[in-house]
Amino acid sequence: MIIALDGSSVDGSAYTDVVNLARHSPVRLDDMVSAWSTYGLALFAVLMAVGWWHARRVGATASVTALAVPFVVVVAFGVDAALKLLVREDRPCQSLRVTTLEACPVPGDWSFPSNHAAIAAAAAVALLFVSRRLGALAVVAACAMAVSRVWVGAHYPHDVLAGVVVGALVASLVMSALRRRAEAAALWLAATRLRPLVVVS
């Protein structure tokens, strides 16, 4: 038998307030939030591609920085997933027995920290190293993603907050470390068959 933590004592009342608000909100609003919660991460992939496309016109070093963003997101996801296994917090819909917009995950699908929030935050912070404009848009989208995960009932507020911290911290550390090696990596890639990835022919 796996012993799981119950996070309802942290901010269960705030979670319940949000979920009840969602249940009494217009159906159209709930549908939009649910769709964003489920499919919104695709926007970050689009922003990464746009960032890389424009970076190629800036230079090879900028391209390498842009190409690193998806890898940084994968690292952040890995750290977040490891924390989930370490903490093992039950989903709020399991602990509080509330009706939520999103179907309640099965036991063992841990809640803390939020993967969605971590991925979104990591992408947003990493994109700030590529383009301030794209990064700012991604930051707004990441905040919307974090809020949506509570709205649909998938996470406690502290889950998404922790996910944002994990994603942002990992992205900041990795992108800062990469910045010192980006030029060397760019020179190497430009001399290989991967040259089209970093410079416009």
N, C-alpha and C. Protein backbone atom coordinates (compact mmCIF):
# COMPACT_ATOMS: atom_id res chain seq x y z
N MET A 1 0.84 -1.20 0.00
CA MET A 1 0.00 0.00 0.00
C MET A 1 0.87 1.26 0.00
N ILE A 2 0.57 2.18 -0.91
CA ILE A 2 1.34 3.41 -1.02
C ILE A 2 0.69 4.47 -0.13
N ILE A 3 1.48 5.06 0.75
CA ILE A 3 0.98 6.14 1.60
C ILE A 3 1.19 7.45 0.87
N ALA A 4 0.09 8.18 0.63
CA ALA A 4 0.16 9.44 -0.09
C ALA A 4 -0.20 10.59 0.83
N LEU A 5 0.39 11.75 0.56
CA LEU A 5 0.13 12.93 1.35
C LEU A 5 -1.20 13.57 0.96
N ASP A 6 -1.81 14.24 1.91
CA ASP A 6 -3.06 14.97 1.69
C ASP A 6 -2.75 16.46 1.81
N GLY A 7 -2.81 17.17 0.70
CA GLY A 7 -2.46 18.59 0.71
C GLY A 7 -3.62 19.52 1.02
N SER A 8 -4.77 18.97 1.37
CA SER A 8 -5.95 19.81 1.58
C SER A 8 -5.79 20.77 2.75
N SER A 9 -4.92 20.42 3.70
CA SER A 9 -4.73 21.29 4.87
C SER A 9 -3.95 22.56 4.53
N VAL A 10 -3.27 22.55 3.38
CA VAL A 10 -2.46 23.71 2.98
C VAL A 10 -3.35 24.83 2.45
N ASP A 11 -4.11 24.53 1.42
CA ASP A 11 -5.01 25.54 0.84
C ASP A 11 -6.25 24.89 0.23
N GLY A 12 -6.73 23.87 0.91
CA GLY A 12 -7.92 23.17 0.44
C GLY A 12 -9.14 24.06 0.33
N SER A 13 -9.28 25.01 1.26
CA SER A 13 -10.45 25.90 1.22
C SER A 13 -10.39 26.81 0.00
N ALA A 14 -9.19 27.30 -0.34
CA ALA A 14 -9.04 28.15 -1.52
C ALA A 14 -9.34 27.35 -2.78
N TYR A 15 -8.87 26.11 -2.80
CA TYR A 15 -9.15 25.23 -3.94
C TYR A 15 -10.65 25.03 -4.10
N THR A 16 -11.33 24.74 -3.00
CA THR A 16 -12.77 24.51 -3.03
C THR A 16 -13.52 25.75 -3.52
N ASP A 17 -13.06 26.92 -3.09
CA ASP A 17 -13.70 28.17 -3.54
C ASP A 17 -13.59 28.34 -5.05
N VAL A 18 -12.41 28.04 -5.58
CA VAL A 18 -12.19 28.18 -7.03
C VAL A 18 -13.04 27.17 -7.80
N VAL A 19 -13.05 25.93 -7.33
CA VAL A 19 -13.81 24.88 -8.01
C VAL A 19 -15.32 25.19 -7.97
N ASN A 20 -15.80 25.68 -6.85
CA ASN A 20 -17.22 26.05 -6.75
C ASN A 20 -17.54 27.23 -7.67
N LEU A 21 -16.61 28.17 -7.78
CA LEU A 21 -16.80 29.29 -8.70
C LEU A 21 -16.88 28.79 -10.13
N ALA A 22 -16.01 27.84 -10.47
CA ALA A 22 -16.02 27.28 -11.82
C ALA A 22 -17.35 26.57 -12.11
N ARG A 23 -17.87 25.87 -11.13
CA ARG A 23 -19.14 25.13 -11.32
C ARG A 23 -20.30 26.07 -11.56
N HIS A 24 -20.23 27.30 -11.05
CA HIS A 24 -21.33 28.25 -11.20
C HIS A 24 -21.04 29.33 -12.24
N SER A 25 -19.99 29.14 -13.01
CA SER A 25 -19.64 30.09 -14.06
C SER A 25 -20.31 29.71 -15.38
N PRO A 26 -20.38 30.64 -16.32
CA PRO A 26 -20.97 30.33 -17.63
C PRO A 26 -20.28 29.15 -18.30
N VAL A 27 -21.05 28.34 -18.95
CA VAL A 27 -20.52 27.14 -19.60
C VAL A 27 -19.44 27.50 -20.62
N ARG A 28 -19.66 28.58 -21.35
CA ARG A 28 -18.68 28.98 -22.37
C ARG A 28 -17.32 29.28 -21.75
N LEU A 29 -17.34 29.96 -20.61
CA LEU A 29 -16.08 30.27 -19.93
C LEU A 29 -15.40 28.99 -19.47
N ASP A 30 -16.16 28.09 -18.87
CA ASP A 30 -15.59 26.82 -18.41
C ASP A 30 -15.02 26.02 -19.57
N ASP A 31 -15.72 26.04 -20.70
CA ASP A 31 -15.23 25.31 -21.88
C ASP A 31 -13.91 25.89 -22.37
N MET A 32 -13.81 27.22 -22.38
CA MET A 32 -12.57 27.86 -22.84
C MET A 32 -11.41 27.56 -21.89
N VAL A 33 -11.69 27.64 -20.59
CA VAL A 33 -10.62 27.36 -19.62
C VAL A 33 -10.20 25.90 -19.70
N SER A 34 -11.17 25.01 -19.84
CA SER A 34 -10.86 23.58 -19.94
C SER A 34 -10.03 23.28 -21.19
N ALA A 35 -10.40 23.92 -22.30
CA ALA A 35 -9.65 23.70 -23.54
C ALA A 35 -8.22 24.22 -23.41
N TRP A 36 -8.07 25.38 -22.78
CA TRP A 36 -6.73 25.93 -22.57
C TRP A 36 -5.92 25.02 -21.65
N SER A 37 -6.54 24.54 -20.59
CA SER A 37 -5.86 23.67 -19.64
C SER A 37 -5.37 22.39 -20.31
N THR A 38 -6.17 21.88 -21.25
CA THR A 38 -5.83 20.62 -21.91
C THR A 38 -4.86 20.80 -23.07
N TYR A 39 -5.09 21.83 -23.88
CA TYR A 39 -4.31 21.97 -25.12
C TYR A 39 -3.37 23.18 -25.15
N GLY A 40 -3.40 24.01 -24.12
CA GLY A 40 -2.64 25.25 -24.14
C GLY A 40 -1.14 25.10 -24.25
N LEU A 41 -0.60 23.95 -23.81
CA LEU A 41 0.85 23.78 -23.91
C LEU A 41 1.34 23.80 -25.36
N ALA A 42 0.43 23.54 -26.29
CA ALA A 42 0.83 23.58 -27.70
C ALA A 42 1.27 24.99 -28.10
N LEU A 43 0.70 26.01 -27.47
CA LEU A 43 1.09 27.37 -27.80
C LEU A 43 2.58 27.59 -27.51
N PHE A 44 3.07 27.00 -26.44
CA PHE A 44 4.47 27.18 -26.08
C PHE A 44 5.38 26.54 -27.13
N ALA A 45 4.95 25.43 -27.69
CA ALA A 45 5.71 24.80 -28.77
C ALA A 45 5.77 25.73 -29.98
N VAL A 46 4.65 26.37 -30.28
CA VAL A 46 4.61 27.32 -31.40
C VAL A 46 5.54 28.49 -31.14
N LEU A 47 5.51 29.02 -29.92
CA LEU A 47 6.38 30.14 -29.57
C LEU A 47 7.86 29.75 -29.66
N MET A 48 8.18 28.52 -29.28
CA MET A 48 9.56 28.04 -29.41
C MET A 48 9.98 28.02 -30.87
N ALA A 49 9.09 27.53 -31.73
CA ALA A 49 9.41 27.45 -33.16
C ALA A 49 9.58 28.85 -33.75
N VAL A 50 8.70 29.76 -33.38
CA VAL A 50 8.80 31.14 -33.86
C VAL A 50 10.09 31.78 -33.37
N GLY A 51 10.42 31.55 -32.11
CA GLY A 51 11.65 32.11 -31.55
C GLY A 51 12.88 31.61 -32.28
N TRP A 52 12.91 30.32 -32.59
CA TRP A 52 14.05 29.76 -33.33
C TRP A 52 14.11 30.34 -34.74
N TRP A 53 12.96 30.46 -35.41
CA TRP A 53 12.92 30.94 -36.79
C TRP A 53 13.49 32.36 -36.89
N HIS A 54 13.11 33.20 -35.95
CA HIS A 54 13.62 34.58 -35.95
C HIS A 54 15.08 34.64 -35.49
N ALA A 55 15.47 33.74 -34.59
CA ALA A 55 16.84 33.74 -34.09
C ALA A 55 17.84 33.42 -35.19
N ARG A 56 17.45 32.61 -36.16
CA ARG A 56 18.33 32.26 -37.27
C ARG A 56 18.76 33.49 -38.06
N ARG A 57 17.91 34.50 -38.07
CA ARG A 57 18.23 35.73 -38.79
C ARG A 57 19.08 36.68 -37.96
N VAL A 58 19.18 36.39 -36.67
CA VAL A 58 20.01 37.21 -35.78
C VAL A 58 21.45 36.72 -35.80
N GLY A 59 21.60 35.40 -35.75
CA GLY A 59 22.94 34.82 -35.76
C GLY A 59 22.95 33.42 -35.19
N ALA A 60 24.08 32.75 -35.35
CA ALA A 60 24.19 31.36 -34.92
C ALA A 60 24.07 31.21 -33.41
N THR A 61 24.65 32.13 -32.66
CA THR A 61 24.59 32.05 -31.20
C THR A 61 23.15 32.18 -30.71
N ALA A 62 22.42 33.11 -31.31
CA ALA A 62 21.00 33.27 -30.95
C ALA A 62 20.20 32.03 -31.31
N SER A 63 20.55 31.40 -32.41
CA SER A 63 19.86 30.17 -32.84
C SER A 63 20.09 29.04 -31.85
N VAL A 64 21.32 28.90 -31.39
CA VAL A 64 21.64 27.86 -30.41
C VAL A 64 20.83 28.08 -29.13
N THR A 65 20.75 29.32 -28.70
CA THR A 65 19.96 29.64 -27.51
C THR A 65 18.51 29.24 -27.70
N ALA A 66 17.96 29.55 -28.88
CA ALA A 66 16.56 29.21 -29.17
C ALA A 66 16.35 27.70 -29.25
N LEU A 67 17.33 27.01 -29.85
CA LEU A 67 17.22 25.55 -29.97
C LEU A 67 17.29 24.86 -28.62
N ALA A 68 17.89 25.52 -27.65
CA ALA A 68 18.01 24.92 -26.32
C ALA A 68 16.70 24.94 -25.54
N VAL A 69 15.78 25.81 -25.90
CA VAL A 69 14.56 25.98 -25.12
C VAL A 69 13.78 24.68 -24.92
N PRO A 70 13.47 23.91 -25.98
CA PRO A 70 12.72 22.67 -25.74
C PRO A 70 13.46 21.67 -24.86
N PHE A 71 14.78 21.64 -24.94
CA PHE A 71 15.55 20.73 -24.09
C PHE A 71 15.48 21.18 -22.63
N VAL A 72 15.49 22.47 -22.43
CA VAL A 72 15.36 23.01 -21.07
C VAL A 72 14.00 22.64 -20.49
N VAL A 73 12.98 22.70 -21.32
CA VAL A 73 11.63 22.34 -20.86
C VAL A 73 11.58 20.86 -20.46
N VAL A 74 12.25 20.02 -21.23
CA VAL A 74 12.29 18.59 -20.89
C VAL A 74 13.00 18.37 -19.56
N VAL A 75 14.07 19.10 -19.33
CA VAL A 75 14.79 18.99 -18.05
C VAL A 75 13.88 19.41 -16.90
N ALA A 76 13.18 20.52 -17.08
CA ALA A 76 12.27 21.02 -16.04
C ALA A 76 11.16 20.00 -15.77
N PHE A 77 10.66 19.39 -16.83
CA PHE A 77 9.63 18.35 -16.65
C PHE A 77 10.19 17.18 -15.86
N GLY A 78 11.42 16.80 -16.16
CA GLY A 78 12.03 15.68 -15.44
C GLY A 78 12.20 15.97 -13.96
N VAL A 79 12.64 17.17 -13.64
CA VAL A 79 12.80 17.56 -12.23
C VAL A 79 11.44 17.56 -11.54
N ASP A 80 10.44 18.11 -12.22
CA ASP A 80 9.10 18.17 -11.65
C ASP A 80 8.54 16.77 -11.41
N ALA A 81 8.74 15.88 -12.39
CA ALA A 81 8.24 14.51 -12.26
C ALA A 81 8.92 13.79 -11.10
N ALA A 82 10.21 14.05 -10.91
CA ALA A 82 10.93 13.43 -9.80
C ALA A 82 10.38 13.91 -8.46
N LEU A 83 10.06 15.19 -8.38
CA LEU A 83 9.48 15.73 -7.15
C LEU A 83 8.12 15.10 -6.87
N LYS A 84 7.35 14.87 -7.92
CA LYS A 84 6.05 14.22 -7.76
C LYS A 84 6.20 12.86 -7.07
N LEU A 85 7.17 12.10 -7.55
CA LEU A 85 7.40 10.77 -6.99
C LEU A 85 7.93 10.84 -5.56
N LEU A 86 8.64 11.90 -5.26
CA LEU A 86 9.19 12.07 -3.92
C LEU A 86 8.12 12.49 -2.92
N VAL A 87 7.29 13.46 -3.32
CA VAL A 87 6.28 14.01 -2.40
C VAL A 87 5.03 13.13 -2.33
N ARG A 88 4.55 12.67 -3.48
CA ARG A 88 3.38 11.79 -3.55
C ARG A 88 2.15 12.38 -2.84
N GLU A 89 1.71 13.49 -3.37
CA GLU A 89 0.52 14.14 -2.83
C GLU A 89 -0.70 13.75 -3.66
N ASP A 90 -1.76 13.30 -2.99
CA ASP A 90 -3.00 12.95 -3.68
C ASP A 90 -3.59 14.16 -4.39
N ARG A 91 -4.29 13.90 -5.49
CA ARG A 91 -5.01 14.96 -6.18
C ARG A 91 -6.11 15.51 -5.26
N PRO A 92 -6.38 16.82 -5.36
CA PRO A 92 -7.41 17.40 -4.49
C PRO A 92 -8.79 16.81 -4.71
N CYS A 93 -9.09 16.41 -5.93
CA CYS A 93 -10.40 15.83 -6.20
C CYS A 93 -10.58 14.48 -5.51
N GLN A 94 -9.46 13.84 -5.16
CA GLN A 94 -9.52 12.58 -4.42
C GLN A 94 -9.67 12.83 -2.92
N SER A 95 -8.95 13.84 -2.43
CA SER A 95 -8.97 14.12 -0.99
C SER A 95 -10.24 14.83 -0.55
N LEU A 96 -10.75 15.73 -1.39
CA LEU A 96 -11.89 16.57 -0.99
C LEU A 96 -13.22 16.09 -1.55
N ARG A 97 -13.18 15.13 -2.46
CA ARG A 97 -14.41 14.56 -3.02
C ARG A 97 -15.32 15.63 -3.61
N VAL A 98 -14.76 16.46 -4.47
CA VAL A 98 -15.55 17.52 -5.10
C VAL A 98 -15.76 17.20 -6.57
N THR A 99 -16.79 17.80 -7.15
CA THR A 99 -17.06 17.65 -8.57
C THR A 99 -16.26 18.69 -9.33
N THR A 100 -15.45 18.26 -10.28
CA THR A 100 -14.56 19.16 -11.00
C THR A 100 -14.84 19.13 -12.50
N LEU A 101 -14.37 20.16 -13.19
CA LEU A 101 -14.55 20.22 -14.64
C LEU A 101 -13.75 19.13 -15.34
N GLU A 102 -12.56 18.86 -14.85
CA GLU A 102 -11.72 17.82 -15.43
C GLU A 102 -11.92 16.52 -14.66
N ALA A 103 -11.97 15.42 -15.38
CA ALA A 103 -12.14 14.13 -14.72
C ALA A 103 -11.02 13.90 -13.72
N CYS A 104 -11.37 13.38 -12.57
CA CYS A 104 -10.38 13.16 -11.51
C CYS A 104 -9.41 12.05 -11.92
N PRO A 105 -8.11 12.33 -11.88
CA PRO A 105 -7.12 11.31 -12.24
C PRO A 105 -7.17 10.11 -11.29
N VAL A 106 -6.63 9.01 -11.75
CA VAL A 106 -6.62 7.80 -10.93
C VAL A 106 -5.63 7.96 -9.78
N PRO A 107 -5.83 7.25 -8.69
CA PRO A 107 -4.86 7.29 -7.58
C PRO A 107 -3.47 6.91 -8.07
N GLY A 108 -2.48 7.61 -7.58
CA GLY A 108 -1.11 7.39 -8.04
C GLY A 108 -0.66 8.39 -9.06
N ASP A 109 -1.60 9.15 -9.61
CA ASP A 109 -1.27 10.27 -10.49
C ASP A 109 -1.13 11.49 -9.59
N TRP A 110 0.09 11.70 -9.09
CA TRP A 110 0.32 12.66 -8.02
C TRP A 110 0.11 14.11 -8.44
N SER A 111 -0.14 14.95 -7.45
CA SER A 111 -0.56 16.33 -7.71
C SER A 111 0.55 17.37 -7.58
N PHE A 112 1.50 17.16 -6.69
CA PHE A 112 2.50 18.19 -6.38
C PHE A 112 3.88 17.80 -6.91
N PRO A 113 4.52 18.71 -7.68
CA PRO A 113 4.04 19.98 -8.23
C PRO A 113 3.32 19.73 -9.55
N SER A 114 2.70 20.77 -10.08
CA SER A 114 1.97 20.65 -11.35
C SER A 114 2.92 20.57 -12.53
N ASN A 115 2.78 19.51 -13.34
CA ASN A 115 3.60 19.38 -14.55
C ASN A 115 3.29 20.49 -15.55
N HIS A 116 1.99 20.75 -15.73
CA HIS A 116 1.61 21.79 -16.70
C HIS A 116 2.22 23.14 -16.33
N ALA A 117 2.14 23.49 -15.05
CA ALA A 117 2.68 24.78 -14.61
C ALA A 117 4.19 24.82 -14.77
N ALA A 118 4.86 23.72 -14.47
CA ALA A 118 6.32 23.67 -14.58
C ALA A 118 6.76 23.80 -16.04
N ILE A 119 6.09 23.08 -16.92
CA ILE A 119 6.43 23.15 -18.35
C ILE A 119 6.21 24.55 -18.89
N ALA A 120 5.05 25.13 -18.56
CA ALA A 120 4.73 26.47 -19.05
C ALA A 120 5.72 27.51 -18.52
N ALA A 121 6.02 27.44 -17.24
CA ALA A 121 6.95 28.40 -16.64
C ALA A 121 8.36 28.24 -17.21
N ALA A 122 8.80 27.01 -17.40
CA ALA A 122 10.13 26.77 -17.96
C ALA A 122 10.21 27.32 -19.38
N ALA A 123 9.19 27.08 -20.17
CA ALA A 123 9.17 27.60 -21.53
C ALA A 123 9.19 29.12 -21.54
N ALA A 124 8.40 29.73 -20.66
CA ALA A 124 8.32 31.19 -20.61
C ALA A 124 9.66 31.82 -20.24
N VAL A 125 10.27 31.30 -19.18
CA VAL A 125 11.55 31.87 -18.73
C VAL A 125 12.64 31.63 -19.78
N ALA A 126 12.67 30.44 -20.36
CA ALA A 126 13.68 30.15 -21.38
C ALA A 126 13.49 31.05 -22.61
N LEU A 127 12.24 31.31 -22.97
CA LEU A 127 11.98 32.17 -24.13
C LEU A 127 12.38 33.62 -23.88
N LEU A 128 12.41 34.03 -22.62
CA LEU A 128 12.88 35.38 -22.30
C LEU A 128 14.34 35.56 -22.69
N PHE A 129 15.10 34.46 -22.70
CA PHE A 129 16.50 34.52 -23.11
C PHE A 129 16.62 34.64 -24.63
N VAL A 130 15.55 34.29 -25.33
CA VAL A 130 15.55 34.31 -26.79
C VAL A 130 14.97 35.62 -27.32
N SER A 131 13.82 36.01 -26.77
CA SER A 131 13.13 37.22 -27.22
C SER A 131 12.29 37.76 -26.09
N ARG A 132 12.48 39.02 -25.75
CA ARG A 132 11.70 39.63 -24.68
C ARG A 132 10.22 39.64 -25.03
N ARG A 133 9.91 39.89 -26.29
CA ARG A 133 8.50 39.95 -26.70
C ARG A 133 7.83 38.58 -26.60
N LEU A 134 8.47 37.56 -27.15
CA LEU A 134 7.91 36.21 -27.07
C LEU A 134 7.87 35.73 -25.63
N GLY A 135 8.92 36.06 -24.88
CA GLY A 135 8.97 35.65 -23.49
C GLY A 135 7.86 36.27 -22.67
N ALA A 136 7.58 37.55 -22.91
CA ALA A 136 6.51 38.23 -22.18
C ALA A 136 5.16 37.59 -22.48
N LEU A 137 4.94 37.27 -23.75
CA LEU A 137 3.69 36.60 -24.13
C LEU A 137 3.60 35.24 -23.46
N ALA A 138 4.73 34.53 -23.41
CA ALA A 138 4.75 33.21 -22.78
C ALA A 138 4.52 33.29 -21.28
N VAL A 139 5.01 34.35 -20.64
CA VAL A 139 4.80 34.52 -19.20
C VAL A 139 3.30 34.67 -18.91
N VAL A 140 2.62 35.48 -19.71
CA VAL A 140 1.17 35.64 -19.53
C VAL A 140 0.46 34.30 -19.74
N ALA A 141 0.87 33.58 -20.77
CA ALA A 141 0.26 32.28 -21.05
C ALA A 141 0.54 31.29 -19.94
N ALA A 142 1.73 31.35 -19.36
CA ALA A 142 2.08 30.44 -18.26
C ALA A 142 1.23 30.72 -17.03
N CYS A 143 1.01 31.99 -16.74
CA CYS A 143 0.14 32.34 -15.60
C CYS A 143 -1.28 31.84 -15.84
N ALA A 144 -1.75 31.99 -17.08
CA ALA A 144 -3.09 31.51 -17.42
C ALA A 144 -3.17 29.99 -17.29
N MET A 145 -2.10 29.30 -17.66
CA MET A 145 -2.08 27.85 -17.53
C MET A 145 -2.15 27.43 -16.07
N ALA A 146 -1.37 28.10 -15.22
CA ALA A 146 -1.36 27.77 -13.80
C ALA A 146 -2.75 27.96 -13.19
N VAL A 147 -3.39 29.07 -13.50
CA VAL A 147 -4.73 29.34 -12.96
C VAL A 147 -5.73 28.31 -13.48
N SER A 148 -5.61 27.96 -14.76
CA SER A 148 -6.57 27.03 -15.35
C SER A 148 -6.53 25.65 -14.71
N ARG A 149 -5.34 25.25 -14.24
CA ARG A 149 -5.21 23.92 -13.64
C ARG A 149 -5.95 23.83 -12.30
N VAL A 150 -6.04 24.95 -11.60
CA VAL A 150 -6.84 24.98 -10.38
C VAL A 150 -8.32 25.08 -10.74
N TRP A 151 -8.63 25.90 -11.73
CA TRP A 151 -10.02 26.12 -12.15
C TRP A 151 -10.70 24.82 -12.55
N VAL A 152 -10.00 23.97 -13.29
CA VAL A 152 -10.59 22.71 -13.73
C VAL A 152 -10.57 21.64 -12.64
N GLY A 153 -9.90 21.95 -11.51
CA GLY A 153 -9.91 21.03 -10.38
C GLY A 153 -8.77 20.04 -10.34
N ALA A 154 -7.78 20.20 -11.20
CA ALA A 154 -6.68 19.23 -11.27
C ALA A 154 -5.65 19.40 -10.16
N HIS A 155 -5.52 20.64 -9.64
CA HIS A 155 -4.46 20.93 -8.68
C HIS A 155 -4.90 21.91 -7.60
N TYR A 156 -4.24 21.81 -6.46
CA TYR A 156 -4.34 22.85 -5.43
C TYR A 156 -3.56 24.08 -5.92
N PRO A 157 -3.85 25.26 -5.36
CA PRO A 157 -3.04 26.44 -5.70
C PRO A 157 -1.55 26.24 -5.40
N HIS A 158 -1.23 25.56 -4.29
CA HIS A 158 0.20 25.39 -3.97
C HIS A 158 0.90 24.45 -4.96
N ASP A 159 0.14 23.59 -5.61
CA ASP A 159 0.72 22.71 -6.63
C ASP A 159 1.22 23.51 -7.82
N VAL A 160 0.36 24.42 -8.29
CA VAL A 160 0.73 25.19 -9.47
C VAL A 160 1.82 26.21 -9.13
N LEU A 161 1.75 26.77 -7.93
CA LEU A 161 2.80 27.71 -7.51
C LEU A 161 4.15 27.01 -7.47
N ALA A 162 4.18 25.81 -6.91
CA ALA A 162 5.43 25.05 -6.86
C ALA A 162 5.90 24.69 -8.26
N GLY A 163 4.97 24.33 -9.13
CA GLY A 163 5.33 24.00 -10.50
C GLY A 163 5.96 25.18 -11.22
N VAL A 164 5.39 26.36 -11.01
CA VAL A 164 5.94 27.58 -11.62
C VAL A 164 7.35 27.84 -11.10
N VAL A 165 7.55 27.68 -9.80
CA VAL A 165 8.88 27.91 -9.21
C VAL A 165 9.89 26.92 -9.77
N VAL A 166 9.50 25.65 -9.83
CA VAL A 166 10.41 24.62 -10.34
C VAL A 166 10.79 24.92 -11.79
N GLY A 167 9.78 25.17 -12.62
CA GLY A 167 10.04 25.42 -14.04
C GLY A 167 10.89 26.65 -14.26
N ALA A 168 10.56 27.73 -13.56
CA ALA A 168 11.29 28.98 -13.73
C ALA A 168 12.73 28.85 -13.24
N LEU A 169 12.91 28.19 -12.11
CA LEU A 169 14.25 28.04 -11.55
C LEU A 169 15.14 27.18 -12.43
N VAL A 170 14.62 26.04 -12.88
CA VAL A 170 15.40 25.16 -13.74
C VAL A 170 15.78 25.88 -15.03
N ALA A 171 14.80 26.57 -15.64
CA ALA A 171 15.07 27.27 -16.90
C ALA A 171 16.11 28.37 -16.71
N SER A 172 16.01 29.11 -15.63
CA SER A 172 16.97 30.19 -15.37
C SER A 172 18.38 29.65 -15.22
N LEU A 173 18.51 28.57 -14.45
CA LEU A 173 19.84 28.00 -14.21
C LEU A 173 20.45 27.42 -15.48
N VAL A 174 19.64 26.64 -16.21
CA VAL A 174 20.17 25.98 -17.40
C VAL A 174 20.47 26.99 -18.51
N MET A 175 19.56 27.93 -18.74
CA MET A 175 19.79 28.91 -19.80
C MET A 175 20.97 29.83 -19.47
N SER A 176 21.14 30.16 -18.20
CA SER A 176 22.28 30.99 -17.80
C SER A 176 23.59 30.25 -18.04
N ALA A 177 23.60 28.96 -17.72
CA ALA A 177 24.80 28.15 -17.95
C ALA A 177 25.07 28.00 -19.45
N LEU A 178 24.01 27.83 -20.23
CA LEU A 178 24.16 27.67 -21.67
C LEU A 178 24.71 28.94 -22.32
N ARG A 179 24.30 30.09 -21.80
CA ARG A 179 24.72 31.36 -22.40
C ARG A 179 26.24 31.44 -22.51
N ARG A 180 26.94 30.85 -21.56
CA ARG A 180 28.41 30.91 -21.57
C ARG A 180 29.02 29.98 -22.61
N ARG A 181 28.23 29.05 -23.11
CA ARG A 181 28.76 28.08 -24.07
C ARG A 181 28.09 28.17 -25.44
N ALA A 182 27.15 29.07 -25.58
CA ALA A 182 26.36 29.16 -26.82
C ALA A 182 27.21 29.48 -28.04
N GLU A 183 28.18 30.38 -27.87
CA GLU A 183 29.00 30.77 -29.01
C GLU A 183 29.83 29.61 -29.52
N ALA A 184 30.44 28.85 -28.60
CA ALA A 184 31.24 27.69 -29.01
C ALA A 184 30.37 26.64 -29.69
N ALA A 185 29.18 26.42 -29.14
CA ALA A 185 28.26 25.44 -29.75
C ALA A 185 27.82 25.90 -31.12
N ALA A 186 27.62 27.20 -31.28
CA ALA A 186 27.20 27.75 -32.57
C ALA A 186 28.28 27.55 -33.63
N LEU A 187 29.53 27.79 -33.26
CA LEU A 187 30.63 27.60 -34.20
C LEU A 187 30.75 26.14 -34.64
N TRP A 188 30.54 25.25 -33.67
CA TRP A 188 30.63 23.82 -34.00
C TRP A 188 29.49 23.40 -34.93
N LEU A 189 28.27 23.81 -34.60
CA LEU A 189 27.11 23.44 -35.43
C LEU A 189 27.20 24.04 -36.83
N ALA A 190 27.72 25.25 -36.92
CA ALA A 190 27.83 25.91 -38.22
C ALA A 190 28.80 25.20 -39.15
N ALA A 191 29.68 24.38 -38.58
CA ALA A 191 30.67 23.66 -39.38
C ALA A 191 30.21 22.23 -39.71
N THR A 192 29.00 21.89 -39.34
CA THR A 192 28.47 20.54 -39.59
C THR A 192 27.28 20.60 -40.55
N ARG A 193 26.70 19.43 -40.81
CA ARG A 193 25.51 19.37 -41.66
C ARG A 193 24.30 20.01 -41.01
N LEU A 194 24.41 20.31 -39.73
CA LEU A 194 23.31 20.94 -39.01
C LEU A 194 23.33 22.47 -39.17
N ARG A 195 24.21 22.97 -40.00
CA ARG A 195 24.35 24.40 -40.21
C ARG A 195 23.01 25.11 -40.49
N PRO A 196 22.11 24.53 -41.30
CA PRO A 196 20.83 25.22 -41.56
C PRO A 196 20.00 25.48 -40.30
N LEU A 197 20.29 24.75 -39.22
CA LEU A 197 19.54 24.97 -37.98
C LEU A 197 19.93 26.28 -37.29
N VAL A 198 21.16 26.75 -37.58
CA VAL A 198 21.64 27.91 -36.84
C VAL A 198 21.88 29.16 -37.69
N VAL A 199 21.97 28.99 -38.99
CA VAL A 199 22.17 30.17 -39.84
C VAL A 199 21.29 30.07 -41.07
N VAL A 200 20.92 31.22 -41.61
CA VAL A 200 20.17 31.28 -42.86
C VAL A 200 21.15 31.22 -44.01
N SER A 201 20.96 30.27 -44.90
CA SER A 201 21.89 30.12 -46.03
C SER A 201 21.70 31.25 -47.04
